Amino acid sequence: MSRSAQVERNTLETRIQVKLDLDGRGDSRLETGLPFLEHMLDQVARHGLIDLDIQAQGDLHIDAHHTVEDLGITLGQAFAQAVGDKKGIRRYGHAYVPLDEALSRVVIDLSGRPGLVLQAGFKRGGIGAFEVDLFHEFFQGFVNHAGVTLHIDCLRGNNDHHIAETMFKAFGRALRMAVEIDDRLQGVIPSTKGSL
């Protein structure tokens, strides 16, 4: 059973191609024009053991908003396509990840119902040239098109780079747990009506 997908999204502002394999080795090839976001997406691939190939061109001469939001949307579409009917998956995933003084928790439910709660507590408006409020746009685009409920909480941290990195590493690990096949659920589609 192949759990891979390829999605292309072209708008007036962006041209994005995403290829992913949920049963990969954590390899990534990322060309977005946004180095810090690429660093974060590489963490998702590595910690989620998801092979991820993202090629994006956006109106970065204006700002990064459209590119970041559309990356989240396209990644969410590819994720939904790759996970398919969800037969045999665990459905829920969670992870705590520390990095020095920072600690983040991510909990995900492949519920079919989009929802996002993001509590990060960044200390500044940007990490290098990357505006931290765009993380919300990325994850909102992802959940809306992946059909998942996602809670991201930075429990503590003083260094914004560390905070962001713990969030994305935990996101990758929670995804990995949620899409994992459980042999005891072979052929069973997880219910979103309360039985699982």
N, C-alpha and C. Protein backbone atom coordinates (compact mmCIF):
# COMPACT_ATOMS: atom_id res chain seq x y z
N MET A 1 0.84 -1.18 0.00
CA MET A 1 0.00 0.00 0.00
C MET A 1 0.89 1.25 0.00
N SER A 2 0.75 2.05 -1.02
CA SER A 2 1.54 3.28 -1.12
C SER A 2 0.83 4.41 -0.39
N ARG A 3 1.55 5.02 0.53
CA ARG A 3 0.98 6.17 1.24
C ARG A 3 1.80 7.41 0.85
N SER A 4 1.73 7.71 -0.43
CA SER A 4 2.45 8.87 -0.95
C SER A 4 1.48 9.72 -1.75
N ALA A 5 1.90 10.95 -2.01
CA ALA A 5 1.04 11.87 -2.75
C ALA A 5 1.89 12.92 -3.42
N GLN A 6 1.31 13.50 -4.45
CA GLN A 6 1.92 14.63 -5.14
C GLN A 6 0.82 15.63 -5.45
N VAL A 7 1.01 16.87 -5.02
CA VAL A 7 0.01 17.91 -5.21
C VAL A 7 0.69 19.15 -5.76
N GLU A 8 0.02 19.78 -6.70
CA GLU A 8 0.50 21.04 -7.26
C GLU A 8 -0.57 22.10 -7.04
N ARG A 9 -0.14 23.28 -6.61
CA ARG A 9 -1.07 24.39 -6.38
C ARG A 9 -0.50 25.64 -7.05
N ASN A 10 -1.26 26.22 -7.96
CA ASN A 10 -0.84 27.43 -8.65
C ASN A 10 -1.90 28.51 -8.46
N THR A 11 -1.48 29.65 -7.93
CA THR A 11 -2.36 30.79 -7.75
C THR A 11 -1.70 32.01 -8.37
N LEU A 12 -2.34 33.16 -8.23
CA LEU A 12 -1.73 34.39 -8.71
C LEU A 12 -0.47 34.74 -7.93
N GLU A 13 -0.38 34.25 -6.67
CA GLU A 13 0.75 34.60 -5.81
C GLU A 13 1.82 33.53 -5.72
N THR A 14 1.45 32.26 -5.90
CA THR A 14 2.41 31.18 -5.66
C THR A 14 2.27 30.05 -6.67
N ARG A 15 3.36 29.32 -6.82
CA ARG A 15 3.39 28.06 -7.58
C ARG A 15 4.10 27.05 -6.69
N ILE A 16 3.38 26.02 -6.27
CA ILE A 16 3.91 25.09 -5.27
C ILE A 16 3.68 23.66 -5.71
N GLN A 17 4.73 22.83 -5.55
CA GLN A 17 4.63 21.39 -5.76
C GLN A 17 5.09 20.69 -4.49
N VAL A 18 4.28 19.76 -4.01
CA VAL A 18 4.62 18.98 -2.83
C VAL A 18 4.52 17.50 -3.17
N LYS A 19 5.58 16.77 -2.86
CA LYS A 19 5.56 15.31 -2.94
C LYS A 19 5.90 14.81 -1.54
N LEU A 20 5.15 13.83 -1.06
CA LEU A 20 5.49 13.26 0.25
C LEU A 20 5.20 11.78 0.28
N ASP A 21 5.93 11.12 1.15
CA ASP A 21 5.76 9.68 1.39
C ASP A 21 5.74 9.49 2.89
N LEU A 22 4.59 9.07 3.41
CA LEU A 22 4.44 8.90 4.86
C LEU A 22 5.29 7.76 5.41
N ASP A 23 5.70 6.86 4.55
CA ASP A 23 6.51 5.71 4.98
C ASP A 23 7.94 5.83 4.48
N GLY A 24 8.47 7.04 4.56
CA GLY A 24 9.80 7.31 4.06
C GLY A 24 10.88 7.10 5.10
N ARG A 25 12.01 7.77 4.85
CA ARG A 25 13.18 7.67 5.73
C ARG A 25 13.54 9.01 6.36
N GLY A 26 12.74 10.04 6.06
CA GLY A 26 13.03 11.36 6.61
C GLY A 26 13.87 12.22 5.69
N ASP A 27 13.91 11.87 4.40
CA ASP A 27 14.67 12.66 3.44
C ASP A 27 13.86 13.88 3.01
N SER A 28 14.56 14.97 2.74
CA SER A 28 13.86 16.16 2.28
C SER A 28 14.64 16.88 1.20
N ARG A 29 13.90 17.50 0.29
CA ARG A 29 14.44 18.40 -0.72
C ARG A 29 13.50 19.60 -0.72
N LEU A 30 14.01 20.74 -0.29
CA LEU A 30 13.17 21.90 -0.03
C LEU A 30 13.74 23.14 -0.71
N GLU A 31 12.94 23.75 -1.57
CA GLU A 31 13.32 24.99 -2.23
C GLU A 31 12.13 25.92 -2.20
N THR A 32 12.11 26.82 -1.22
CA THR A 32 10.96 27.70 -1.03
C THR A 32 11.32 29.17 -1.05
N GLY A 33 12.60 29.49 -0.97
CA GLY A 33 13.01 30.88 -0.81
C GLY A 33 12.91 31.37 0.62
N LEU A 34 12.57 30.48 1.54
CA LEU A 34 12.40 30.82 2.96
C LEU A 34 13.29 29.89 3.79
N PRO A 35 14.55 30.26 3.97
CA PRO A 35 15.51 29.34 4.61
C PRO A 35 15.09 28.86 6.00
N PHE A 36 14.54 29.73 6.83
CA PHE A 36 14.18 29.26 8.17
C PHE A 36 13.03 28.27 8.12
N LEU A 37 12.04 28.53 7.27
CA LEU A 37 10.93 27.58 7.15
C LEU A 37 11.43 26.25 6.59
N GLU A 38 12.37 26.29 5.67
CA GLU A 38 12.96 25.05 5.15
C GLU A 38 13.64 24.27 6.28
N HIS A 39 14.33 24.97 7.16
CA HIS A 39 14.96 24.33 8.32
C HIS A 39 13.91 23.64 9.17
N MET A 40 12.75 24.28 9.37
CA MET A 40 11.69 23.70 10.18
C MET A 40 11.05 22.50 9.46
N LEU A 41 10.80 22.63 8.16
CA LEU A 41 10.20 21.52 7.41
C LEU A 41 11.13 20.32 7.34
N ASP A 42 12.43 20.57 7.31
CA ASP A 42 13.40 19.48 7.37
C ASP A 42 13.27 18.71 8.68
N GLN A 43 12.97 19.42 9.77
CA GLN A 43 12.77 18.76 11.06
C GLN A 43 11.52 17.87 11.03
N VAL A 44 10.47 18.35 10.37
CA VAL A 44 9.25 17.54 10.24
C VAL A 44 9.56 16.25 9.49
N ALA A 45 10.29 16.38 8.38
CA ALA A 45 10.64 15.19 7.60
C ALA A 45 11.47 14.21 8.43
N ARG A 46 12.52 14.72 9.07
CA ARG A 46 13.43 13.85 9.84
C ARG A 46 12.73 13.17 11.00
N HIS A 47 11.98 13.93 11.77
CA HIS A 47 11.36 13.37 12.97
C HIS A 47 10.08 12.60 12.66
N GLY A 48 9.44 12.92 11.54
CA GLY A 48 8.24 12.18 11.14
C GLY A 48 8.54 10.99 10.26
N LEU A 49 9.83 10.83 9.85
CA LEU A 49 10.22 9.82 8.87
C LEU A 49 9.33 9.91 7.63
N ILE A 50 9.12 11.15 7.20
CA ILE A 50 8.34 11.47 6.01
C ILE A 50 9.30 11.98 4.95
N ASP A 51 9.30 11.36 3.78
CA ASP A 51 10.08 11.92 2.68
C ASP A 51 9.29 13.09 2.12
N LEU A 52 9.97 14.22 1.99
CA LEU A 52 9.29 15.46 1.66
C LEU A 52 10.07 16.21 0.59
N ASP A 53 9.40 16.50 -0.50
CA ASP A 53 9.98 17.27 -1.60
C ASP A 53 9.04 18.44 -1.86
N ILE A 54 9.51 19.65 -1.57
CA ILE A 54 8.69 20.85 -1.75
C ILE A 54 9.45 21.85 -2.61
N GLN A 55 8.81 22.26 -3.69
CA GLN A 55 9.34 23.29 -4.57
C GLN A 55 8.31 24.42 -4.60
N ALA A 56 8.72 25.62 -4.25
CA ALA A 56 7.78 26.74 -4.18
C ALA A 56 8.40 28.01 -4.72
N GLN A 57 7.57 28.72 -5.45
CA GLN A 57 7.91 30.07 -5.89
C GLN A 57 6.75 30.95 -5.49
N GLY A 58 7.05 32.03 -4.79
CA GLY A 58 5.99 32.91 -4.33
C GLY A 58 6.38 34.37 -4.46
N ASP A 59 5.44 35.24 -4.14
CA ASP A 59 5.66 36.68 -4.25
C ASP A 59 6.41 37.21 -3.02
N LEU A 60 7.60 36.67 -2.83
CA LEU A 60 8.41 37.05 -1.66
C LEU A 60 8.90 38.49 -1.75
N HIS A 61 8.83 39.11 -2.93
CA HIS A 61 9.18 40.52 -3.04
C HIS A 61 8.17 41.40 -2.30
N ILE A 62 6.96 40.85 -2.05
CA ILE A 62 5.97 41.56 -1.25
C ILE A 62 6.19 41.22 0.22
N ASP A 63 5.97 39.96 0.55
CA ASP A 63 6.33 39.41 1.86
C ASP A 63 6.13 37.90 1.77
N ALA A 64 6.30 37.21 2.89
CA ALA A 64 6.27 35.74 2.87
C ALA A 64 4.88 35.17 3.13
N HIS A 65 3.89 36.01 3.41
CA HIS A 65 2.59 35.52 3.86
C HIS A 65 1.95 34.53 2.90
N HIS A 66 1.80 34.90 1.62
CA HIS A 66 1.12 34.02 0.67
C HIS A 66 1.87 32.70 0.51
N THR A 67 3.19 32.77 0.46
CA THR A 67 3.98 31.55 0.25
C THR A 67 3.84 30.61 1.44
N VAL A 68 3.93 31.14 2.65
CA VAL A 68 3.84 30.31 3.85
C VAL A 68 2.45 29.69 3.97
N GLU A 69 1.42 30.50 3.80
CA GLU A 69 0.05 29.99 3.90
C GLU A 69 -0.21 28.91 2.84
N ASP A 70 0.21 29.18 1.59
CA ASP A 70 -0.04 28.22 0.52
C ASP A 70 0.80 26.96 0.69
N LEU A 71 1.97 27.06 1.29
CA LEU A 71 2.74 25.86 1.62
C LEU A 71 1.97 25.00 2.61
N GLY A 72 1.39 25.61 3.63
CA GLY A 72 0.59 24.86 4.59
C GLY A 72 -0.61 24.19 3.93
N ILE A 73 -1.29 24.94 3.05
CA ILE A 73 -2.45 24.39 2.33
C ILE A 73 -2.04 23.19 1.47
N THR A 74 -0.99 23.35 0.68
CA THR A 74 -0.58 22.30 -0.25
C THR A 74 -0.06 21.08 0.50
N LEU A 75 0.70 21.31 1.57
CA LEU A 75 1.17 20.18 2.38
C LEU A 75 -0.01 19.45 3.01
N GLY A 76 -1.01 20.19 3.48
CA GLY A 76 -2.21 19.57 4.04
C GLY A 76 -2.96 18.73 3.02
N GLN A 77 -3.08 19.24 1.79
CA GLN A 77 -3.74 18.48 0.73
C GLN A 77 -2.98 17.19 0.43
N ALA A 78 -1.66 17.30 0.35
CA ALA A 78 -0.85 16.11 0.06
C ALA A 78 -0.96 15.10 1.20
N PHE A 79 -0.95 15.59 2.45
CA PHE A 79 -1.07 14.71 3.60
C PHE A 79 -2.40 13.96 3.57
N ALA A 80 -3.50 14.67 3.32
CA ALA A 80 -4.82 14.04 3.27
C ALA A 80 -4.88 12.98 2.18
N GLN A 81 -4.30 13.28 1.03
CA GLN A 81 -4.28 12.32 -0.08
C GLN A 81 -3.45 11.09 0.29
N ALA A 82 -2.30 11.30 0.93
CA ALA A 82 -1.42 10.18 1.26
C ALA A 82 -2.00 9.28 2.34
N VAL A 83 -2.67 9.86 3.32
CA VAL A 83 -3.22 9.05 4.42
C VAL A 83 -4.46 8.29 3.97
N GLY A 84 -5.12 8.77 2.92
CA GLY A 84 -6.22 8.03 2.31
C GLY A 84 -7.40 7.80 3.23
N ASP A 85 -7.92 6.57 3.23
CA ASP A 85 -9.12 6.28 4.03
C ASP A 85 -8.80 6.01 5.50
N LYS A 86 -7.54 6.05 5.87
CA LYS A 86 -7.07 5.93 7.26
C LYS A 86 -7.20 4.52 7.84
N LYS A 87 -7.43 3.54 6.99
CA LYS A 87 -7.58 2.17 7.50
C LYS A 87 -6.34 1.74 8.26
N GLY A 88 -6.56 1.26 9.49
CA GLY A 88 -5.50 0.67 10.30
C GLY A 88 -4.58 1.63 11.01
N ILE A 89 -4.79 2.94 10.87
CA ILE A 89 -3.88 3.89 11.53
C ILE A 89 -4.26 4.09 12.99
N ARG A 90 -3.32 4.62 13.74
CA ARG A 90 -3.57 4.89 15.16
C ARG A 90 -4.50 6.09 15.37
N ARG A 91 -4.52 7.03 14.44
CA ARG A 91 -5.35 8.23 14.43
C ARG A 91 -4.82 9.33 15.34
N TYR A 92 -4.47 9.03 16.57
CA TYR A 92 -3.97 10.05 17.50
C TYR A 92 -2.44 9.97 17.58
N GLY A 93 -1.84 11.14 17.76
CA GLY A 93 -0.40 11.19 17.97
C GLY A 93 -0.05 12.34 18.90
N HIS A 94 1.03 12.15 19.64
CA HIS A 94 1.47 13.22 20.55
C HIS A 94 2.98 13.11 20.74
N ALA A 95 3.59 14.25 21.07
CA ALA A 95 5.03 14.25 21.32
C ALA A 95 5.40 15.45 22.16
N TYR A 96 6.36 15.24 23.05
CA TYR A 96 7.04 16.31 23.78
C TYR A 96 8.46 16.35 23.25
N VAL A 97 8.94 17.54 22.91
CA VAL A 97 10.32 17.67 22.43
C VAL A 97 10.99 18.84 23.13
N PRO A 98 12.14 18.60 23.78
CA PRO A 98 12.92 19.68 24.38
C PRO A 98 14.07 20.10 23.46
N LEU A 99 14.50 21.31 23.62
CA LEU A 99 15.76 21.79 23.04
C LEU A 99 16.30 22.83 24.01
N ASP A 100 17.33 22.42 24.76
CA ASP A 100 17.89 23.28 25.81
C ASP A 100 16.76 23.74 26.74
N GLU A 101 16.50 25.04 26.81
CA GLU A 101 15.52 25.56 27.77
C GLU A 101 14.08 25.47 27.28
N ALA A 102 13.89 25.15 25.99
CA ALA A 102 12.55 25.14 25.39
C ALA A 102 11.95 23.74 25.42
N LEU A 103 10.63 23.69 25.58
CA LEU A 103 9.90 22.42 25.59
C LEU A 103 8.55 22.65 24.95
N SER A 104 8.24 21.87 23.93
CA SER A 104 6.94 21.97 23.27
C SER A 104 6.23 20.62 23.26
N ARG A 105 4.90 20.71 23.27
CA ARG A 105 4.02 19.53 23.20
C ARG A 105 3.11 19.70 21.98
N VAL A 106 2.99 18.65 21.19
CA VAL A 106 2.07 18.65 20.06
C VAL A 106 1.18 17.42 20.16
N VAL A 107 -0.13 17.63 20.02
CA VAL A 107 -1.11 16.54 20.04
C VAL A 107 -1.95 16.68 18.77
N ILE A 108 -2.12 15.58 18.05
CA ILE A 108 -2.86 15.62 16.79
C ILE A 108 -3.89 14.50 16.75
N ASP A 109 -5.02 14.80 16.11
CA ASP A 109 -6.09 13.83 15.90
C ASP A 109 -6.46 13.89 14.43
N LEU A 110 -6.30 12.78 13.72
CA LEU A 110 -6.68 12.73 12.32
C LEU A 110 -8.19 12.50 12.24
N SER A 111 -8.90 13.50 12.70
CA SER A 111 -10.33 13.42 12.97
C SER A 111 -11.20 13.67 11.76
N GLY A 112 -10.66 14.31 10.74
CA GLY A 112 -11.50 14.78 9.64
C GLY A 112 -12.08 16.15 9.93
N ARG A 113 -11.84 16.67 11.12
CA ARG A 113 -12.37 17.98 11.51
C ARG A 113 -11.20 18.93 11.73
N PRO A 114 -11.09 19.98 10.92
CA PRO A 114 -9.97 20.90 11.08
C PRO A 114 -10.10 21.74 12.34
N GLY A 115 -9.02 21.83 13.09
CA GLY A 115 -9.00 22.67 14.28
C GLY A 115 -7.56 22.92 14.69
N LEU A 116 -7.28 24.14 15.10
CA LEU A 116 -5.92 24.50 15.49
C LEU A 116 -5.95 25.32 16.76
N VAL A 117 -5.13 24.91 17.73
CA VAL A 117 -4.81 25.72 18.89
C VAL A 117 -3.29 25.81 18.93
N LEU A 118 -2.76 27.03 18.86
CA LEU A 118 -1.31 27.25 18.83
C LEU A 118 -0.96 28.28 19.89
N GLN A 119 -0.23 27.84 20.91
CA GLN A 119 0.24 28.71 21.99
C GLN A 119 1.76 28.62 22.01
N ALA A 120 2.41 29.64 21.44
CA ALA A 120 3.86 29.54 21.28
C ALA A 120 4.64 30.43 22.24
N GLY A 121 4.18 31.63 22.50
CA GLY A 121 4.88 32.51 23.43
C GLY A 121 6.21 33.02 22.92
N PHE A 122 6.27 33.35 21.63
CA PHE A 122 7.51 33.89 21.09
C PHE A 122 7.84 35.22 21.76
N LYS A 123 9.13 35.49 21.89
CA LYS A 123 9.59 36.69 22.59
C LYS A 123 9.76 37.89 21.66
N ARG A 124 9.97 37.59 20.36
CA ARG A 124 10.19 38.65 19.38
C ARG A 124 9.25 38.46 18.20
N GLY A 125 9.25 39.40 17.29
CA GLY A 125 8.39 39.31 16.12
C GLY A 125 8.96 38.47 15.00
N GLY A 126 10.27 38.20 15.05
CA GLY A 126 10.87 37.45 13.96
C GLY A 126 12.06 36.63 14.41
N ILE A 127 12.34 35.61 13.62
CA ILE A 127 13.56 34.81 13.78
C ILE A 127 14.35 35.06 12.51
N GLY A 128 15.40 35.83 12.61
CA GLY A 128 16.06 36.30 11.41
C GLY A 128 15.07 37.11 10.59
N ALA A 129 14.91 36.76 9.32
CA ALA A 129 13.98 37.48 8.45
C ALA A 129 12.57 36.87 8.48
N PHE A 130 12.38 35.78 9.23
CA PHE A 130 11.08 35.09 9.23
C PHE A 130 10.18 35.63 10.33
N GLU A 131 8.97 36.08 9.96
CA GLU A 131 8.02 36.60 10.93
C GLU A 131 7.31 35.45 11.64
N VAL A 132 7.36 35.45 12.98
CA VAL A 132 6.84 34.31 13.72
C VAL A 132 5.32 34.15 13.62
N ASP A 133 4.58 35.24 13.32
CA ASP A 133 3.13 35.07 13.20
C ASP A 133 2.75 34.22 11.99
N LEU A 134 3.69 34.02 11.07
CA LEU A 134 3.41 33.19 9.90
C LEU A 134 3.34 31.70 10.24
N PHE A 135 3.87 31.29 11.39
CA PHE A 135 3.72 29.90 11.80
C PHE A 135 2.24 29.55 11.94
N HIS A 136 1.46 30.47 12.49
CA HIS A 136 0.02 30.23 12.62
C HIS A 136 -0.62 30.06 11.25
N GLU A 137 -0.24 30.90 10.29
CA GLU A 137 -0.79 30.80 8.94
C GLU A 137 -0.45 29.45 8.31
N PHE A 138 0.78 29.00 8.52
CA PHE A 138 1.21 27.71 7.97
C PHE A 138 0.36 26.57 8.56
N PHE A 139 0.27 26.52 9.88
CA PHE A 139 -0.45 25.41 10.51
C PHE A 139 -1.95 25.50 10.25
N GLN A 140 -2.51 26.73 10.16
CA GLN A 140 -3.93 26.87 9.85
C GLN A 140 -4.22 26.33 8.45
N GLY A 141 -3.37 26.67 7.49
CA GLY A 141 -3.53 26.12 6.14
C GLY A 141 -3.44 24.61 6.14
N PHE A 142 -2.49 24.07 6.92
CA PHE A 142 -2.33 22.62 6.99
C PHE A 142 -3.57 21.95 7.54
N VAL A 143 -4.05 22.37 8.72
CA VAL A 143 -5.18 21.67 9.35
C VAL A 143 -6.45 21.80 8.51
N ASN A 144 -6.66 22.96 7.88
CA ASN A 144 -7.87 23.15 7.09
C ASN A 144 -7.93 22.18 5.91
N HIS A 145 -6.79 21.81 5.36
CA HIS A 145 -6.78 20.97 4.17
C HIS A 145 -6.37 19.53 4.45
N ALA A 146 -5.77 19.27 5.61
CA ALA A 146 -5.48 17.89 6.00
C ALA A 146 -6.65 17.29 6.76
N GLY A 147 -7.53 18.13 7.31
CA GLY A 147 -8.65 17.63 8.10
C GLY A 147 -8.21 17.04 9.42
N VAL A 148 -7.35 17.77 10.13
CA VAL A 148 -6.86 17.28 11.42
C VAL A 148 -7.11 18.32 12.50
N THR A 149 -7.18 17.83 13.72
CA THR A 149 -7.22 18.70 14.89
C THR A 149 -5.81 18.71 15.47
N LEU A 150 -5.26 19.92 15.68
CA LEU A 150 -3.86 20.06 16.05
C LEU A 150 -3.73 21.04 17.21
N HIS A 151 -3.10 20.57 18.30
CA HIS A 151 -2.79 21.43 19.44
C HIS A 151 -1.28 21.52 19.57
N ILE A 152 -0.76 22.75 19.54
CA ILE A 152 0.67 22.99 19.69
C ILE A 152 0.86 23.95 20.86
N ASP A 153 1.60 23.50 21.85
CA ASP A 153 1.86 24.32 23.03
C ASP A 153 3.34 24.34 23.34
N CYS A 154 3.93 25.54 23.35
CA CYS A 154 5.27 25.67 23.90
C CYS A 154 5.10 25.83 25.40
N LEU A 155 5.59 24.89 26.14
CA LEU A 155 5.40 24.89 27.59
C LEU A 155 6.38 25.82 28.29
N ARG A 156 7.57 25.99 27.68
CA ARG A 156 8.54 26.95 28.21
C ARG A 156 9.60 27.20 27.17
N GLY A 157 10.26 28.32 27.28
CA GLY A 157 11.35 28.64 26.37
C GLY A 157 11.63 30.12 26.34
N ASN A 158 12.90 30.48 26.14
CA ASN A 158 13.32 31.88 26.06
C ASN A 158 13.91 32.22 24.69
N ASN A 159 14.38 31.22 23.97
CA ASN A 159 15.02 31.43 22.68
C ASN A 159 14.02 31.06 21.58
N ASP A 160 13.64 32.03 20.75
CA ASP A 160 12.60 31.79 19.75
C ASP A 160 12.97 30.71 18.74
N HIS A 161 14.24 30.63 18.37
CA HIS A 161 14.68 29.56 17.46
C HIS A 161 14.42 28.20 18.11
N HIS A 162 14.77 28.07 19.38
CA HIS A 162 14.54 26.81 20.09
C HIS A 162 13.05 26.50 20.19
N ILE A 163 12.24 27.53 20.47
CA ILE A 163 10.79 27.33 20.58
C ILE A 163 10.25 26.78 19.26
N ALA A 164 10.59 27.45 18.16
CA ALA A 164 10.09 27.01 16.85
C ALA A 164 10.57 25.59 16.53
N GLU A 165 11.82 25.31 16.80
CA GLU A 165 12.36 24.00 16.47
C GLU A 165 11.69 22.90 17.27
N THR A 166 11.42 23.14 18.54
CA THR A 166 10.73 22.11 19.33
C THR A 166 9.31 21.89 18.82
N MET A 167 8.64 22.96 18.38
CA MET A 167 7.29 22.82 17.82
C MET A 167 7.29 21.94 16.58
N PHE A 168 8.21 22.20 15.67
CA PHE A 168 8.20 21.47 14.41
C PHE A 168 8.70 20.03 14.57
N LYS A 169 9.68 19.83 15.45
CA LYS A 169 10.12 18.45 15.72
C LYS A 169 8.99 17.65 16.35
N ALA A 170 8.30 18.24 17.32
CA ALA A 170 7.19 17.55 17.97
C ALA A 170 6.05 17.31 16.98
N PHE A 171 5.81 18.25 16.09
CA PHE A 171 4.80 18.08 15.05
C PHE A 171 5.13 16.86 14.18
N GLY A 172 6.37 16.75 13.76
CA GLY A 172 6.79 15.59 12.97
C GLY A 172 6.60 14.29 13.71
N ARG A 173 6.98 14.26 14.98
CA ARG A 173 6.87 13.02 15.76
C ARG A 173 5.42 12.65 16.04
N ALA A 174 4.57 13.66 16.27
CA ALA A 174 3.14 13.39 16.49
C ALA A 174 2.49 12.86 15.21
N LEU A 175 2.86 13.44 14.07
CA LEU A 175 2.35 12.93 12.79
C LEU A 175 2.75 11.47 12.59
N ARG A 176 4.00 11.19 12.87
CA ARG A 176 4.53 9.83 12.70
C ARG A 176 3.73 8.83 13.54
N MET A 177 3.42 9.19 14.77
CA MET A 177 2.64 8.30 15.63
C MET A 177 1.22 8.13 15.11
N ALA A 178 0.59 9.23 14.69
CA ALA A 178 -0.81 9.19 14.27
C ALA A 178 -1.03 8.36 13.00
N VAL A 179 -0.06 8.40 12.07
CA VAL A 179 -0.25 7.67 10.80
C VAL A 179 0.29 6.25 10.87
N GLU A 180 0.89 5.89 11.98
CA GLU A 180 1.46 4.55 12.11
C GLU A 180 0.36 3.49 12.01
N ILE A 181 0.66 2.44 11.28
CA ILE A 181 -0.28 1.33 11.14
C ILE A 181 -0.20 0.44 12.38
N ASP A 182 -1.35 0.13 12.95
CA ASP A 182 -1.44 -0.78 14.09
C ASP A 182 -2.07 -2.08 13.58
N ASP A 183 -1.31 -3.17 13.64
CA ASP A 183 -1.79 -4.45 13.11
C ASP A 183 -3.11 -4.89 13.73
N ARG A 184 -3.36 -4.45 14.97
CA ARG A 184 -4.61 -4.84 15.63
C ARG A 184 -5.82 -4.10 15.03
N LEU A 185 -5.54 -3.05 14.26
CA LEU A 185 -6.62 -2.28 13.63
C LEU A 185 -6.66 -2.52 12.12
N GLN A 186 -6.08 -3.63 11.69
CA GLN A 186 -5.97 -3.91 10.26
C GLN A 186 -7.34 -3.84 9.59
N GLY A 187 -7.44 -2.98 8.57
CA GLY A 187 -8.68 -2.85 7.82
C GLY A 187 -9.74 -1.99 8.47
N VAL A 188 -9.49 -1.52 9.70
CA VAL A 188 -10.48 -0.73 10.43
C VAL A 188 -10.24 0.75 10.15
N ILE A 189 -11.31 1.44 9.80
CA ILE A 189 -11.23 2.88 9.63
C ILE A 189 -11.56 3.52 10.96
N PRO A 190 -10.67 4.37 11.51
CA PRO A 190 -10.94 4.98 12.81
C PRO A 190 -12.20 5.81 12.78
N SER A 191 -13.03 5.64 13.76
CA SER A 191 -14.28 6.41 13.84
C SER A 191 -14.00 7.80 14.36
N THR A 192 -14.75 8.77 13.86
CA THR A 192 -14.71 10.11 14.45
C THR A 192 -16.00 10.37 15.23
N LYS A 193 -16.73 9.29 15.51
CA LYS A 193 -18.00 9.41 16.24
C LYS A 193 -17.88 8.93 17.68
N GLY A 194 -16.63 8.67 18.13
CA GLY A 194 -16.45 8.35 19.54
C GLY A 194 -16.03 6.94 19.87
N SER A 195 -15.94 6.02 18.89
CA SER A 195 -15.61 4.64 19.25
C SER A 195 -14.11 4.43 19.39
N LEU A 196 -13.29 5.35 18.88
CA LEU A 196 -11.84 5.24 19.07
C LEU A 196 -11.34 6.46 19.78
